[in-house]
């Protein structure tokens, strides 16, 4: 494949994936902040949104599936710890 075509494809892919990557990072940080505040209801909804964003990132290939599973597991564990406390 010519280098110019590869460059065009990489620019197109990075432009398309950038919004998904940003939304995933934002939702993960919002979920972690809401778990730290200690409100179980808002934490549950934000963790649910973050898990959904992680699933989308994994489906699009922005995150490895094991990394996505690890992040979801750790977030769920924090949420369960908060809800059971």
Protein backbone atom coordinates (compact mmCIF):
# COMPACT_ATOMS: atom_id res chain seq x y z
CA UNK A 1 0.00 0.00 0.00
CA UNK A 2 1.43 3.39 -0.88
CA UNK A 3 2.43 5.52 2.08
CA UNK A 4 0.19 8.37 0.99
CA UNK A 5 -2.92 6.19 1.02
CA UNK A 6 -1.96 4.76 4.43
CA UNK A 7 -1.55 8.31 5.74
CA UNK A 8 -4.97 9.30 4.38
CA UNK A 9 -6.55 6.28 6.05
CA UNK A 10 -4.86 6.97 9.38
CA UNK A 11 -6.06 10.57 9.35
CA UNK A 12 -9.60 9.46 8.55
CA UNK A 13 -9.60 6.77 11.25
CA UNK A 14 -8.14 9.04 13.91
CA UNK A 15 -10.72 11.71 13.14
CA UNK A 16 -13.54 9.17 13.37
CA UNK A 17 -12.25 7.46 16.51
CA UNK A 18 -11.29 10.62 18.36
CA UNK A 19 -14.79 11.47 19.53
CA UNK A 20 -15.42 7.93 20.76
CA UNK A 21 -12.09 7.87 22.61
CA UNK A 22 -12.81 11.23 24.25
CA UNK A 23 -16.35 10.24 25.23
CA UNK A 24 -15.06 6.99 26.74
CA UNK A 25 -12.42 8.73 28.83
CA UNK A 26 -14.90 11.36 29.98
CA UNK A 27 -17.54 8.84 31.02
CA UNK A 28 -14.96 6.74 32.89
CA UNK A 29 -13.69 9.75 34.83
CA UNK A 30 -17.25 10.88 35.61
CA UNK A 31 -18.07 7.41 36.90
CA UNK A 32 -15.00 7.28 39.14
CA UNK A 33 -15.73 10.77 40.51
CA UNK A 34 -19.35 9.88 41.25
CA UNK A 35 -18.30 6.70 43.06
CA UNK A 36 -15.90 8.77 45.18
CA UNK A 37 -18.64 11.23 46.16
CA UNK A 38 -20.56 8.42 47.82
CA UNK A 39 -24.03 8.78 46.27
CA UNK A 40 -25.08 5.24 45.22
CA UNK A 41 -27.88 6.31 42.83
CA UNK A 42 -25.86 8.74 40.73
CA UNK A 43 -22.85 6.43 40.88
CA UNK A 44 -24.90 3.53 39.55
CA UNK A 45 -26.17 5.52 36.57
CA UNK A 46 -22.76 6.97 35.71
CA UNK A 47 -21.07 3.56 36.02
CA UNK A 48 -23.74 2.11 33.72
CA UNK A 49 -23.01 4.85 31.16
CA UNK A 50 -19.25 4.26 31.47
CA UNK A 51 -19.65 0.51 30.95
CA UNK A 52 -21.71 1.20 27.85
CA UNK A 53 -19.01 3.57 26.54
CA UNK A 54 -16.31 0.97 27.20
CA UNK A 55 -18.32 -1.63 25.28
CA UNK A 56 -18.57 0.74 22.31
CA UNK A 57 -14.82 1.46 22.43
CA UNK A 58 -14.06 -2.26 22.50
CA UNK A 59 -16.43 -2.90 19.60
CA UNK A 60 -14.73 -0.20 17.53
CA UNK A 61 -11.27 -1.53 18.35
CA UNK A 62 -10.15 1.47 20.39
CA UNK A 63 -9.59 -0.64 23.47
CA UNK A 64 -8.52 -4.26 23.81
CA UNK A 65 -11.34 -6.49 25.01
CA UNK A 66 -9.40 -7.67 28.05
CA UNK A 67 -8.59 -4.09 29.02
CA UNK A 68 -12.26 -3.19 28.67
CA UNK A 69 -13.30 -6.16 30.79
CA UNK A 70 -10.72 -5.24 33.43
CA UNK A 71 -11.93 -1.64 33.63
CA UNK A 72 -15.57 -2.70 33.82
CA UNK A 73 -14.79 -5.22 36.54
CA UNK A 74 -12.87 -2.72 38.67
CA UNK A 75 -15.56 -0.08 38.27
CA UNK A 76 -18.30 -2.56 39.18
CA UNK A 77 -16.32 -3.68 42.21
CA UNK A 78 -16.05 -0.08 43.44
CA UNK A 79 -19.75 0.45 42.88
CA UNK A 80 -20.67 -2.75 44.73
CA UNK A 81 -18.40 -1.74 47.61
CA UNK A 82 -20.16 1.63 47.78
CA UNK A 83 -23.65 0.11 47.64
CA UNK A 84 -22.91 -2.51 50.30
CA UNK A 85 -21.27 -0.06 52.69
